[in-house]
PDB file of N, CA and C in Angstrom:
ATOM      1  N   MET A   1     -28.746 -67.354 -78.639  1.00  0.00           N
ATOM      2  CA  MET A   1     -29.652 -68.360 -78.119  1.00  0.00           C
ATOM      3  C   MET A   1     -30.860 -68.501 -79.053  1.00  0.00           C
ATOM      4  N   GLU A   2     -31.326 -67.384 -79.590  1.00  0.00           N
ATOM      5  CA  GLU A   2     -32.487 -67.457 -80.491  1.00  0.00           C
ATOM      6  C   GLU A   2     -32.217 -68.391 -81.664  1.00  0.00           C
ATOM      7  N   VAL A   3     -31.026 -68.297 -82.241  1.00  0.00           N
ATOM      8  CA  VAL A   3     -30.681 -69.146 -83.384  1.00  0.00           C
ATOM      9  C   VAL A   3     -30.625 -70.597 -82.948  1.00  0.00           C
ATOM     10  N   LEU A   4     -30.033 -70.874 -81.804  1.00  0.00           N
ATOM     11  CA  LEU A   4     -29.937 -72.255 -81.337  1.00  0.00           C
ATOM     12  C   LEU A   4     -31.311 -72.831 -81.002  1.00  0.00           C
ATOM     13  N   TRP A   5     -32.171 -72.024 -80.397  1.00  0.00           N
ATOM     14  CA  TRP A   5     -33.518 -72.511 -80.092  1.00  0.00           C
ATOM     15  C   TRP A   5     -34.316 -72.775 -81.370  1.00  0.00           C
ATOM     16  N   ALA A   6     -34.083 -71.978 -82.394  1.00  0.00           N
ATOM     17  CA  ALA A   6     -34.842 -72.117 -83.641  1.00  0.00           C
ATOM     18  C   ALA A   6     -34.272 -73.208 -84.541  1.00  0.00           C
ATOM     19  N   GLY A   7     -33.032 -73.607 -84.284  1.00  0.00           N
ATOM     20  CA  GLY A   7     -32.361 -74.571 -85.153  1.00  0.00           C
ATOM     21  C   GLY A   7     -32.994 -75.946 -85.111  1.00  0.00           C
ATOM     22  N   PRO A   8     -32.721 -76.732 -86.145  1.00  0.00           N
ATOM     23  CA  PRO A   8     -33.273 -78.091 -86.202  1.00  0.00           C
ATOM     24  C   PRO A   8     -32.541 -79.052 -85.269  1.00  0.00           C
ATOM     25  N   GLY A   9     -31.427 -78.627 -84.733  1.00  0.00           N
ATOM     26  CA  GLY A   9     -30.613 -79.459 -83.851  1.00  0.00           C
ATOM     27  C   GLY A   9     -29.354 -78.702 -83.519  1.00  0.00           C
ATOM     28  N   PRO A  10     -28.328 -79.403 -83.044  1.00  0.00           N
ATOM     29  CA  PRO A  10     -27.074 -78.711 -82.745  1.00  0.00           C
ATOM     30  C   PRO A  10     -26.525 -78.001 -83.979  1.00  0.00           C
ATOM     31  N   LEU A  11     -25.949 -76.816 -83.760  1.00  0.00           N
ATOM     32  CA  LEU A  11     -25.413 -76.001 -84.852  1.00  0.00           C
ATOM     33  C   LEU A  11     -23.950 -75.675 -84.599  1.00  0.00           C
ATOM     34  N   THR A  12     -23.171 -75.655 -85.657  1.00  0.00           N
ATOM     35  CA  THR A  12     -21.785 -75.203 -85.555  1.00  0.00           C
ATOM     36  C   THR A  12     -21.771 -73.681 -85.512  1.00  0.00           C
ATOM     37  N   ALA A  13     -20.627 -73.134 -85.137  1.00  0.00           N
ATOM     38  CA  ALA A  13     -20.496 -71.671 -85.122  1.00  0.00           C
ATOM     39  C   ALA A  13     -20.733 -71.103 -86.519  1.00  0.00           C
ATOM     40  N   ARG A  14     -20.239 -71.776 -87.551  1.00  0.00           N
ATOM     41  CA  ARG A  14     -20.459 -71.323 -88.927  1.00  0.00           C
ATOM     42  C   ARG A  14     -21.957 -71.278 -89.245  1.00  0.00           C
ATOM     43  N   GLU A  15     -22.701 -72.288 -88.818  1.00  0.00           N
ATOM     44  CA  GLU A  15     -24.149 -72.312 -89.069  1.00  0.00           C
ATOM     45  C   GLU A  15     -24.855 -71.198 -88.308  1.00  0.00           C
ATOM     46  N   VAL A  16     -24.366 -70.885 -87.120  1.00  0.00           N
ATOM     47  CA  VAL A  16     -24.945 -69.768 -86.360  1.00  0.00           C
ATOM     48  C   VAL A  16     -24.676 -68.459 -87.091  1.00  0.00           C
ATOM     49  N   VAL A  17     -23.442 -68.264 -87.545  1.00  0.00           N
ATOM     50  CA  VAL A  17     -23.109 -67.047 -88.301  1.00  0.00           C
ATOM     51  C   VAL A  17     -24.013 -66.931 -89.519  1.00  0.00           C
ATOM     52  N   ASP A  18     -24.165 -68.024 -90.260  1.00  0.00           N
ATOM     53  CA  ASP A  18     -25.005 -68.008 -91.464  1.00  0.00           C
ATOM     54  C   ASP A  18     -26.468 -67.708 -91.135  1.00  0.00           C
ATOM     55  N   ALA A  19     -26.923 -68.180 -89.983  1.00  0.00           N
ATOM     56  CA  ALA A  19     -28.323 -67.946 -89.591  1.00  0.00           C
ATOM     57  C   ALA A  19     -28.554 -66.501 -89.149  1.00  0.00           C
ATOM     58  N   LEU A  20     -27.495 -65.805 -88.808  1.00  0.00           N
ATOM     59  CA  LEU A  20     -27.604 -64.406 -88.382  1.00  0.00           C
ATOM     60  C   LEU A  20     -27.523 -63.468 -89.578  1.00  0.00           C
ATOM     61  N   CYS A  21     -28.199 -63.827 -90.648  1.00  0.00           N
ATOM     62  CA  CYS A  21     -28.164 -63.014 -91.858  1.00  0.00           C
ATOM     63  C   CYS A  21     -28.609 -61.587 -91.538  1.00  0.00           C
ATOM     64  N   GLY A  22     -27.908 -60.649 -92.129  1.00  0.00           N
ATOM     65  CA  GLY A  22     -28.229 -59.246 -91.886  1.00  0.00           C
ATOM     66  C   GLY A  22     -27.510 -58.662 -90.693  1.00  0.00           C
ATOM     67  N   ARG A  23     -26.804 -59.503 -89.929  1.00  0.00           N
ATOM     68  CA  ARG A  23     -26.044 -59.018 -88.774  1.00  0.00           C
ATOM     69  C   ARG A  23     -24.577 -59.334 -89.015  1.00  0.00           C
ATOM     70  N   PRO A  24     -23.793 -58.346 -89.361  1.00  0.00           N
ATOM     71  CA  PRO A  24     -22.396 -58.585 -89.718  1.00  0.00           C
ATOM     72  C   PRO A  24     -21.514 -58.890 -88.503  1.00  0.00           C
ATOM     73  N   LEU A  25     -21.580 -60.127 -88.025  1.00  0.00           N
ATOM     74  CA  LEU A  25     -20.748 -60.533 -86.901  1.00  0.00           C
ATOM     75  C   LEU A  25     -19.626 -61.429 -87.400  1.00  0.00           C
ATOM     76  N   ALA A  26     -18.448 -61.234 -86.871  1.00  0.00           N
ATOM     77  CA  ALA A  26     -17.313 -62.062 -87.242  1.00  0.00           C
ATOM     78  C   ALA A  26     -17.478 -63.462 -86.664  1.00  0.00           C
ATOM     79  N   TYR A  27     -16.943 -64.433 -87.376  1.00  0.00           N
ATOM     80  CA  TYR A  27     -16.975 -65.829 -86.934  1.00  0.00           C
ATOM     81  C   TYR A  27     -16.364 -65.955 -85.535  1.00  0.00           C
ATOM     82  N   THR A  28     -15.259 -65.266 -85.297  1.00  0.00           N
ATOM     83  CA  THR A  28     -14.594 -65.361 -83.991  1.00  0.00           C
ATOM     84  C   THR A  28     -15.454 -64.754 -82.875  1.00  0.00           C
ATOM     85  N   THR A  29     -16.228 -63.750 -83.204  1.00  0.00           N
ATOM     86  CA  THR A  29     -17.138 -63.158 -82.211  1.00  0.00           C
ATOM     87  C   THR A  29     -18.204 -64.165 -81.811  1.00  0.00           C
ATOM     88  N   VAL A  30     -18.759 -64.857 -82.799  1.00  0.00           N
ATOM     89  CA  VAL A  30     -19.772 -65.871 -82.514  1.00  0.00           C
ATOM     90  C   VAL A  30     -19.162 -66.999 -81.693  1.00  0.00           C
ATOM     91  N   LEU A  31     -17.940 -67.420 -82.012  1.00  0.00           N
ATOM     92  CA  LEU A  31     -17.261 -68.447 -81.222  1.00  0.00           C
ATOM     93  C   LEU A  31     -17.076 -68.002 -79.775  1.00  0.00           C
ATOM     94  N   THR A  32     -16.708 -66.744 -79.583  1.00  0.00           N
ATOM     95  CA  THR A  32     -16.526 -66.219 -78.230  1.00  0.00           C
ATOM     96  C   THR A  32     -17.844 -66.246 -77.463  1.00  0.00           C
ATOM     97  N   VAL A  33     -18.910 -65.826 -78.096  1.00  0.00           N
ATOM     98  CA  VAL A  33     -20.222 -65.828 -77.431  1.00  0.00           C
ATOM     99  C   VAL A  33     -20.642 -67.250 -77.099  1.00  0.00           C
ATOM    100  N   LEU A  34     -20.470 -68.171 -78.034  1.00  0.00           N
ATOM    101  CA  LEU A  34     -20.831 -69.572 -77.772  1.00  0.00           C
ATOM    102  C   LEU A  34     -20.003 -70.145 -76.628  1.00  0.00           C
ATOM    103  N   SER A  35     -18.733 -69.800 -76.567  1.00  0.00           N
ATOM    104  CA  SER A  35     -17.875 -70.256 -75.482  1.00  0.00           C
ATOM    105  C   SER A  35     -18.358 -69.718 -74.141  1.00  0.00           C
ATOM    106  N   ARG A  36     -18.743 -68.456 -74.116  1.00  0.00           N
ATOM    107  CA  ARG A  36     -19.250 -67.859 -72.863  1.00  0.00           C
ATOM    108  C   ARG A  36     -20.577 -68.485 -72.456  1.00  0.00           C
ATOM    109  N   LEU A  37     -21.427 -68.770 -73.434  1.00  0.00           N
ATOM    110  CA  LEU A  37     -22.703 -69.435 -73.126  1.00  0.00           C
ATOM    111  C   LEU A  37     -22.459 -70.835 -72.570  1.00  0.00           C
ATOM    112  N   GLU A  38     -21.431 -71.502 -73.075  1.00  0.00           N
ATOM    113  CA  GLU A  38     -21.084 -72.827 -72.553  1.00  0.00           C
ATOM    114  C   GLU A  38     -20.596 -72.724 -71.109  1.00  0.00           C
ATOM    115  N   LYS A  39     -19.762 -71.737 -70.813  1.00  0.00           N
ATOM    116  CA  LYS A  39     -19.262 -71.545 -69.448  1.00  0.00           C
ATOM    117  C   LYS A  39     -20.387 -71.226 -68.473  1.00  0.00           C
ATOM    118  N   LYS A  40     -21.434 -70.589 -68.969  1.00  0.00           N
ATOM    119  CA  LYS A  40     -22.597 -70.268 -68.134  1.00  0.00           C
ATOM    120  C   LYS A  40     -23.592 -71.426 -68.087  1.00  0.00           C
ATOM    121  N   ALA A  41     -23.238 -72.544 -68.718  1.00  0.00           N
ATOM    122  CA  ALA A  41     -24.070 -73.755 -68.755  1.00  0.00           C
ATOM    123  C   ALA A  41     -25.403 -73.519 -69.470  1.00  0.00           C
ATOM    124  N   LEU A  42     -25.412 -72.613 -70.439  1.00  0.00           N
ATOM    125  CA  LEU A  42     -26.619 -72.379 -71.227  1.00  0.00           C
ATOM    126  C   LEU A  42     -26.622 -73.211 -72.506  1.00  0.00           C
ATOM    127  N   VAL A  43     -25.424 -73.614 -72.957  1.00  0.00           N
ATOM    128  CA  VAL A  43     -25.311 -74.481 -74.130  1.00  0.00           C
ATOM    129  C   VAL A  43     -24.317 -75.596 -73.821  1.00  0.00           C
ATOM    130  N   ARG A  44     -24.430 -76.676 -74.578  1.00  0.00           N
ATOM    131  CA  ARG A  44     -23.451 -77.764 -74.538  1.00  0.00           C
ATOM    132  C   ARG A  44     -22.864 -77.903 -75.925  1.00  0.00           C
ATOM    133  N   ARG A  45     -21.626 -78.351 -75.969  1.00  0.00           N
ATOM    134  CA  ARG A  45     -21.017 -78.554 -77.269  1.00  0.00           C
ATOM    135  C   ARG A  45     -20.555 -79.998 -77.403  1.00  0.00           C
ATOM    136  N   ALA A  46     -20.548 -80.455 -78.635  1.00  0.00           N
ATOM    137  CA  ALA A  46     -20.076 -81.794 -78.957  1.00  0.00           C
ATOM    138  C   ALA A  46     -19.298 -81.702 -80.265  1.00  0.00           C
ATOM    139  N   ARG A  47     -18.332 -82.570 -80.419  1.00  0.00           N
ATOM    140  CA  ARG A  47     -17.513 -82.561 -81.627  1.00  0.00           C
ATOM    141  C   ARG A  47     -18.392 -82.830 -82.839  1.00  0.00           C
ATOM    142  N   ALA A  48     -18.254 -81.974 -83.826  1.00  0.00           N
ATOM    143  CA  ALA A  48     -18.969 -82.145 -85.097  1.00  0.00           C
ATOM    144  C   ALA A  48     -17.942 -82.634 -86.123  1.00  0.00           C
ATOM    145  N   ALA A  49     -18.157 -82.356 -87.362  1.00  0.00           N
ATOM    146  CA  ALA A  49     -17.230 -82.763 -88.421  1.00  0.00           C
ATOM    147  C   ALA A  49     -15.907 -82.020 -88.293  1.00  0.00           C
ATOM    148  N   GLY A  50     -14.824 -82.733 -88.458  1.00  0.00           N
ATOM    149  CA  GLY A  50     -13.507 -82.102 -88.413  1.00  0.00           C
ATOM    150  C   GLY A  50     -13.186 -81.558 -87.039  1.00  0.00           C
ATOM    151  N   ARG A  51     -12.702 -80.320 -87.013  1.00  0.00           N
ATOM    152  CA  ARG A  51     -12.331 -79.683 -85.742  1.00  0.00           C
ATOM    153  C   ARG A  51     -13.471 -78.877 -85.141  1.00  0.00           C
ATOM    154  N   ALA A  52     -14.559 -78.760 -85.833  1.00  0.00           N
ATOM    155  CA  ALA A  52     -15.674 -77.913 -85.376  1.00  0.00           C
ATOM    156  C   ALA A  52     -16.453 -78.579 -84.246  1.00  0.00           C
ATOM    157  N   TYR A  53     -17.110 -77.750 -83.478  1.00  0.00           N
ATOM    158  CA  TYR A  53     -18.033 -78.209 -82.454  1.00  0.00           C
ATOM    159  C   TYR A  53     -19.444 -77.786 -82.851  1.00  0.00           C
ATOM    160  N   ALA A  54     -20.410 -78.567 -82.429  1.00  0.00           N
ATOM    161  CA  ALA A  54     -21.820 -78.214 -82.618  1.00  0.00           C
ATOM    162  C   ALA A  54     -22.384 -77.869 -81.244  1.00  0.00           C
ATOM    163  N   TYR A  55     -23.179 -76.828 -81.199  1.00  0.00           N
ATOM    164  CA  TYR A  55     -23.725 -76.316 -79.941  1.00  0.00           C
ATOM    165  C   TYR A  55     -25.238 -76.517 -79.912  1.00  0.00           C
ATOM    166  N   ARG A  56     -25.731 -76.835 -78.731  1.00  0.00           N
ATOM    167  CA  ARG A  56     -27.177 -76.960 -78.548  1.00  0.00           C
ATOM    168  C   ARG A  56     -27.551 -76.368 -77.192  1.00  0.00           C
ATOM    169  N   PRO A  57     -28.760 -75.822 -77.089  1.00  0.00           N
ATOM    170  CA  PRO A  57     -29.186 -75.248 -75.809  1.00  0.00           C
ATOM    171  C   PRO A  57     -29.364 -76.345 -74.761  1.00  0.00           C
ATOM    172  N   VAL A  58     -29.061 -76.025 -73.533  1.00  0.00           N
ATOM    173  CA  VAL A  58     -29.247 -76.963 -72.429  1.00  0.00           C
ATOM    174  C   VAL A  58     -30.737 -77.079 -72.096  1.00  0.00           C
ATOM    175  N   ALA A  59     -31.449 -75.977 -72.207  1.00  0.00           N
ATOM    176  CA  ALA A  59     -32.870 -75.940 -71.865  1.00  0.00           C
ATOM    177  C   ALA A  59     -33.652 -75.276 -72.998  1.00  0.00           C
ATOM    178  N   SER A  60     -34.930 -75.551 -73.036  1.00  0.00           N
ATOM    179  CA  SER A  60     -35.795 -74.903 -74.020  1.00  0.00           C
ATOM    180  C   SER A  60     -35.930 -73.419 -73.677  1.00  0.00           C
ATOM    181  N   ARG A  61     -36.403 -72.661 -74.627  1.00  0.00           N
ATOM    182  CA  ARG A  61     -36.642 -71.234 -74.398  1.00  0.00           C
ATOM    183  C   ARG A  61     -37.605 -71.050 -73.223  1.00  0.00           C
ATOM    184  N   GLU A  62     -38.630 -71.886 -73.147  1.00  0.00           N
ATOM    185  CA  GLU A  62     -39.619 -71.762 -72.073  1.00  0.00           C
ATOM    186  C   GLU A  62     -39.012 -72.083 -70.709  1.00  0.00           C
ATOM    187  N   ASP A  63     -38.189 -73.134 -70.639  1.00  0.00           N
ATOM    188  CA  ASP A  63     -37.520 -73.466 -69.381  1.00  0.00           C
ATOM    189  C   ASP A  63     -36.572 -72.345 -68.955  1.00  0.00           C
ATOM    190  N   HIS A  64     -35.849 -71.791 -69.915  1.00  0.00           N
ATOM    191  CA  HIS A  64     -34.933 -70.688 -69.615  1.00  0.00           C
ATOM    192  C   HIS A  64     -35.704 -69.474 -69.107  1.00  0.00           C
ATOM    193  N   THR A  65     -36.811 -69.165 -69.755  1.00  0.00           N
ATOM    194  CA  THR A  65     -37.637 -68.031 -69.328  1.00  0.00           C
ATOM    195  C   THR A  65     -38.172 -68.251 -67.917  1.00  0.00           C
ATOM    196  N   ALA A  66     -38.622 -69.465 -67.634  1.00  0.00           N
ATOM    197  CA  ALA A  66     -39.122 -69.776 -66.289  1.00  0.00           C
ATOM    198  C   ALA A  66     -38.018 -69.604 -65.252  1.00  0.00           C
ATOM    199  N   GLU A  67     -36.803 -70.008 -65.586  1.00  0.00           N
ATOM    200  CA  GLU A  67     -35.683 -69.840 -64.659  1.00  0.00           C
ATOM    201  C   GLU A  67     -35.385 -68.361 -64.426  1.00  0.00           C
ATOM    202  N   LEU A  68     -35.451 -67.550 -65.474  1.00  0.00           N
ATOM    203  CA  LEU A  68     -35.258 -66.108 -65.308  1.00  0.00           C
ATOM    204  C   LEU A  68     -36.345 -65.516 -64.413  1.00  0.00           C
ATOM    205  N   MET A  69     -37.569 -65.986 -64.570  1.00  0.00           N
ATOM    206  CA  MET A  69     -38.665 -65.496 -63.741  1.00  0.00           C
ATOM    207  C   MET A  69     -38.444 -65.892 -62.272  1.00  0.00           C
ATOM    208  N   ARG A  70     -37.971 -67.121 -62.036  1.00  0.00           N
ATOM    209  CA  ARG A  70     -37.672 -67.554 -60.663  1.00  0.00           C
ATOM    210  C   ARG A  70     -36.567 -66.696 -60.059  1.00  0.00           C
ATOM    211  N   ALA A  71     -35.534 -66.410 -60.857  1.00  0.00           N
ATOM    212  CA  ALA A  71     -34.425 -65.588 -60.363  1.00  0.00           C
ATOM    213  C   ALA A  71     -34.899 -64.181 -60.028  1.00  0.00           C
ATOM    214  N   ALA A  72     -35.758 -63.621 -60.865  1.00  0.00           N
ATOM    215  CA  ALA A  72     -36.293 -62.283 -60.599  1.00  0.00           C
ATOM    216  C   ALA A  72     -37.138 -62.292 -59.327  1.00  0.00           C
ATOM    217  N   LEU A  73     -37.920 -63.329 -59.140  1.00  0.00           N
ATOM    218  CA  LEU A  73     -38.742 -63.433 -57.936  1.00  0.00           C
ATOM    219  C   LEU A  73     -37.865 -63.582 -56.698  1.00  0.00           C
ATOM    220  N   ASP A  74     -36.794 -64.373 -56.820  1.00  0.00           N
ATOM    221  CA  ASP A  74     -35.868 -64.530 -55.693  1.00  0.00           C
ATOM    222  C   ASP A  74     -35.191 -63.210 -55.331  1.00  0.00           C
ATOM    223  N   ALA A  75     -34.989 -62.356 -56.324  1.00  0.00           N
ATOM    224  CA  ALA A  75     -34.328 -61.070 -56.084  1.00  0.00           C
ATOM    225  C   ALA A  75     -35.284 -60.014 -55.524  1.00  0.00           C
ATOM    226  N   ALA A  76     -36.576 -60.286 -55.584  1.00  0.00           N
ATOM    227  CA  ALA A  76     -37.564 -59.306 -55.105  1.00  0.00           C
ATOM    228  C   ALA A  76     -37.493 -59.202 -53.583  1.00  0.00           C
ATOM    229  N   GLY A  77     -37.613 -58.006 -53.088  1.00  0.00           N
ATOM    230  CA  GLY A  77     -37.634 -57.809 -51.641  1.00  0.00           C
ATOM    231  C   GLY A  77     -38.896 -58.387 -51.020  1.00  0.00           C
ATOM    232  N   ASP A  78     -39.998 -58.262 -51.729  1.00  0.00           N
ATOM    233  CA  ASP A  78     -41.297 -58.743 -51.248  1.00  0.00           C
ATOM    234  C   ASP A  78     -41.888 -59.635 -52.337  1.00  0.00           C
ATOM    235  N   ARG A  79     -41.732 -60.941 -52.167  1.00  0.00           N
ATOM    236  CA  ARG A  79     -42.191 -61.900 -53.185  1.00  0.00           C
ATOM    237  C   ARG A  79     -43.697 -61.785 -53.431  1.00  0.00           C
ATOM    238  N   VAL A  80     -44.459 -61.606 -52.376  1.00  0.00           N
ATOM    239  CA  VAL A  80     -45.915 -61.525 -52.514  1.00  0.00           C
ATOM    240  C   VAL A  80     -46.293 -60.310 -53.352  1.00  0.00           C
ATOM    241  N   ALA A  81     -45.692 -59.169 -53.067  1.00  0.00           N
ATOM    242  CA  ALA A  81     -45.984 -57.958 -53.840  1.00  0.00           C
ATOM    243  C   ALA A  81     -45.557 -58.133 -55.295  1.00  0.00           C
ATOM    244  N   ALA A  82     -44.397 -58.742 -55.506  1.00  0.00           N
ATOM    245  CA  ALA A  82     -43.927 -58.959 -56.879  1.00  0.00           C
ATOM    246  C   ALA A  82     -44.881 -59.876 -57.631  1.00  0.00           C
ATOM    247  N   LEU A  83     -45.321 -60.945 -56.998  1.00  0.00           N
ATOM    248  CA  LEU A  83     -46.279 -61.855 -57.645  1.00  0.00           C
ATOM    249  C   LEU A  83     -47.599 -61.147 -57.932  1.00  0.00           C
ATOM    250  N   ALA A  84     -48.079 -60.361 -56.970  1.00  0.00           N
ATOM    251  CA  ALA A  84     -49.339 -59.649 -57.166  1.00  0.00           C
ATOM    252  C   ALA A  84     -49.237 -58.665 -58.327  1.00  0.00           C
ATOM    253  N   ARG A  85     -48.132 -57.963 -58.431  1.00  0.00           N
ATOM    254  CA  ARG A  85     -47.960 -57.016 -59.539  1.00  0.00           C
ATOM    255  C   ARG A  85     -47.851 -57.738 -60.871  1.00  0.00           C
ATOM    256  N   PHE A  86     -47.153 -58.881 -60.858  1.00  0.00           N
ATOM    257  CA  PHE A  86     -47.046 -59.656 -62.091  1.00  0.00           C
ATOM    258  C   PHE A  86     -48.421 -60.129 -62.546  1.00  0.00           C
ATOM    259  N   VAL A  87     -49.179 -60.705 -61.641  1.00  0.00           N
ATOM    260  CA  VAL A  87     -50.516 -61.207 -61.986  1.00  0.00           C
ATOM    261  C   VAL A  87     -51.398 -60.065 -62.470  1.00  0.00           C
ATOM    262  N   GLY A  88     -51.239 -58.887 -61.884  1.00  0.00           N
ATOM    263  CA  GLY A  88     -52.025 -57.730 -62.308  1.00  0.00           C
ATOM    264  C   GLY A  88     -51.651 -57.225 -63.693  1.00  0.00           C
ATOM    265  N   SER A  89     -50.515 -57.672 -64.214  1.00  0.00           N
ATOM    266  CA  SER A  89     -50.070 -57.190 -65.516  1.00  0.00           C
ATOM    267  C   SER A  89     -50.386 -58.139 -66.668  1.00  0.00           C
ATOM    268  N   VAL A  90     -50.915 -59.324 -66.366  1.00  0.00           N
ATOM    269  CA  VAL A  90     -51.174 -60.293 -67.429  1.00  0.00           C
ATOM    270  C   VAL A  90     -52.580 -60.121 -67.991  1.00  0.00           C
ATOM    271  N   SER A  91     -52.770 -60.632 -69.200  1.00  0.00           N
ATOM    272  CA  SER A  91     -54.085 -60.567 -69.844  1.00  0.00           C
ATOM    273  C   SER A  91     -55.040 -61.562 -69.172  1.00  0.00           C
ATOM    274  N   PRO A  92     -56.338 -61.402 -69.389  1.00  0.00           N
ATOM    275  CA  PRO A  92     -57.290 -62.366 -68.830  1.00  0.00           C
ATOM    276  C   PRO A  92     -56.997 -63.801 -69.297  1.00  0.00           C
ATOM    277  N   GLN A  93     -56.569 -63.956 -70.539  1.00  0.00           N
ATOM    278  CA  GLN A  93     -56.252 -65.291 -71.050  1.00  0.00           C
ATOM    279  C   GLN A  93     -55.036 -65.870 -70.319  1.00  0.00           C
ATOM    280  N   GLU A  94     -54.010 -65.045 -70.101  1.00  0.00           N
ATOM    281  CA  GLU A  94     -52.829 -65.511 -69.378  1.00  0.00           C
ATOM    282  C   GLU A  94     -53.172 -65.815 -67.923  1.00  0.00           C
ATOM    283  N   ALA A  95     -54.060 -65.015 -67.335  1.00  0.00           N
ATOM    284  CA  ALA A  95     -54.494 -65.276 -65.962  1.00  0.00           C
ATOM    285  C   ALA A  95     -55.201 -66.627 -65.872  1.00  0.00           C
ATOM    286  N   GLU A  96     -55.983 -66.952 -66.881  1.00  0.00           N
ATOM    287  CA  GLU A  96     -56.666 -68.253 -66.906  1.00  0.00           C
ATOM    288  C   GLU A  96     -55.657 -69.389 -67.001  1.00  0.00           C
ATOM    289  N   VAL A  97     -54.618 -69.220 -67.806  1.00  0.00           N
ATOM    290  CA  VAL A  97     -53.562 -70.235 -67.925  1.00  0.00           C
ATOM    291  C   VAL A  97     -52.866 -70.405 -66.576  1.00  0.00           C
ATOM    292  N   LEU A  98     -52.568 -69.293 -65.910  1.00  0.00           N
ATOM    293  CA  LEU A  98     -51.947 -69.359 -64.587  1.00  0.00           C
ATOM    294  C   LEU A  98     -52.859 -70.077 -63.587  1.00  0.00           C
ATOM    295  N   ARG A  99     -54.144 -69.752 -63.623  1.00  0.00           N
ATOM    296  CA  ARG A  99     -55.092 -70.389 -62.701  1.00  0.00           C
ATOM    297  C   ARG A  99     -55.102 -71.898 -62.899  1.00  0.00           C
ATOM    298  N   ARG A 100     -55.160 -72.329 -64.173  1.00  0.00           N
ATOM    299  CA  ARG A 100     -55.168 -73.777 -64.453  1.00  0.00           C
ATOM    300  C   ARG A 100     -53.855 -74.432 -64.033  1.00  0.00           C
ATOM    301  N   ALA A 101     -52.739 -73.748 -64.254  1.00  0.00           N
ATOM    302  CA  ALA A 101     -51.445 -74.301 -63.853  1.00  0.00           C
ATOM    303  C   ALA A 101     -51.358 -74.445 -62.335  1.00  0.00           C
ATOM    304  N   LEU A 102     -51.858 -73.440 -61.605  1.00  0.00           N
ATOM    305  CA  LEU A 102     -51.857 -73.508 -60.149  1.00  0.00           C
ATOM    306  C   LEU A 102     -52.770 -74.623 -59.637  1.00  0.00           C
ATOM    307  N   GLU A 103     -53.918 -74.792 -60.273  1.00  0.00           N
ATOM    308  CA  GLU A 103     -54.824 -75.874 -59.883  1.00  0.00           C
ATOM    309  C   GLU A 103     -54.170 -77.234 -60.123  1.00  0.00           C
ATOM    310  N   SER A 104     -53.448 -77.359 -61.213  1.00  0.00           N
ATOM    311  CA  SER A 104     -52.772 -78.618 -61.534  1.00  0.00           C
ATOM    312  C   SER A 104     -51.695 -78.928 -60.499  1.00  0.00           C
ATOM    313  N   VAL A 105     -50.915 -77.912 -60.127  1.00  0.00           N
ATOM    314  CA  VAL A 105     -49.875 -78.104 -59.119  1.00  0.00           C
ATOM    315  C   VAL A 105     -50.503 -78.462 -57.782  1.00  0.00           C
ATOM    316  N   ALA A 106     -51.585 -77.784 -57.430  1.00  0.00           N
ATOM    317  CA  ALA A 106     -52.260 -78.058 -56.157  1.00  0.00           C
ATOM    318  C   ALA A 106     -52.819 -79.486 -56.135  1.00  0.00           C
ATOM    319  N   ALA A 107     -53.355 -79.951 -57.252  1.00  0.00           N
ATOM    320  CA  ALA A 107     -53.901 -81.302 -57.314  1.00  0.00           C
ATOM    321  C   ALA A 107     -52.800 -82.337 -57.162  1.00  0.00           C
ATOM    322  N   GLU A 108     -51.620 -82.054 -57.700  1.00  0.00           N
ATOM    323  CA  GLU A 108     -50.500 -82.989 -57.617  1.00  0.00           C
ATOM    324  C   GLU A 108     -49.899 -83.044 -56.218  1.00  0.00           C
ATOM    325  N   SER A 109     -49.864 -81.894 -55.525  1.00  0.00           N
ATOM    326  CA  SER A 109     -49.195 -81.838 -54.235  1.00  0.00           C
ATOM    327  C   SER A 109     -50.133 -82.077 -53.054  1.00  0.00           C
ATOM    328  N   GLY A 110     -51.407 -82.098 -53.305  1.00  0.00           N
ATOM    329  CA  GLY A 110     -52.356 -82.330 -52.214  1.00  0.00           C
ATOM    330  C   GLY A 110     -52.724 -81.048 -51.517  1.00  0.00           C
ATOM    331  N   PRO A 111     -53.577 -81.138 -50.511  1.00  0.00           N
ATOM    332  CA  PRO A 111     -54.047 -79.926 -49.830  1.00  0.00           C
ATOM    333  C   PRO A 111     -52.927 -79.278 -49.014  1.00  0.00           C
ATOM    334  N   LEU A 112     -53.010 -77.939 -48.924  1.00  0.00           N
ATOM    335  CA  LEU A 112     -52.052 -77.179 -48.139  1.00  0.00           C
ATOM    336  C   LEU A 112     -52.426 -77.243 -46.669  1.00  0.00           C
ATOM    337  N   PRO A 113     -51.433 -77.185 -45.789  1.00  0.00           N
ATOM    338  CA  PRO A 113     -51.757 -77.150 -44.357  1.00  0.00           C
ATOM    339  C   PRO A 113     -52.401 -75.804 -44.016  1.00  0.00           C
ATOM    340  N   PRO A 114     -53.223 -75.767 -42.971  1.00  0.00           N
ATOM    341  CA  PRO A 114     -53.853 -74.490 -42.591  1.00  0.00           C
ATOM    342  C   PRO A 114     -52.789 -73.471 -42.185  1.00  0.00           C
ATOM    343  N   GLN A 115     -53.065 -72.204 -42.533  1.00  0.00           N
ATOM    344  CA  GLN A 115     -52.133 -71.121 -42.160  1.00  0.00           C
ATOM    345  C   GLN A 115     -52.437 -70.661 -40.744  1.00  0.00           C
ATOM    346  N   ALA A 116     -51.376 -70.252 -40.044  1.00  0.00           N
ATOM    347  CA  ALA A 116     -51.541 -69.803 -38.658  1.00  0.00           C
ATOM    348  C   ALA A 116     -51.995 -68.382 -38.603  1.00  0.00           C
TER     349      ALA A 116
END
């Protein structure tokens, strides 16, 4: 995924192998991984030159990371505790980014109903 996210566009399996310089992976191994990523809906493929396919990520690295964070939160037994621990682990700068993001979401969705 790192190679596909860093690429200038869709990449063939050969281009992925070439981009993995220093990692001796067989072409067929890379094809197998790309096929599995496609089955998991993480990449899409389209016919490239000849018989080859070109692969591209379905989502950006940031969107994928956000989805992983949502999945982890969904798996937490206590969402509030998990969120509190996460917020307690971020830097002051990251906390400020979170605060601004929450304010933006709140402004878009309007005021919350009173809690009982």
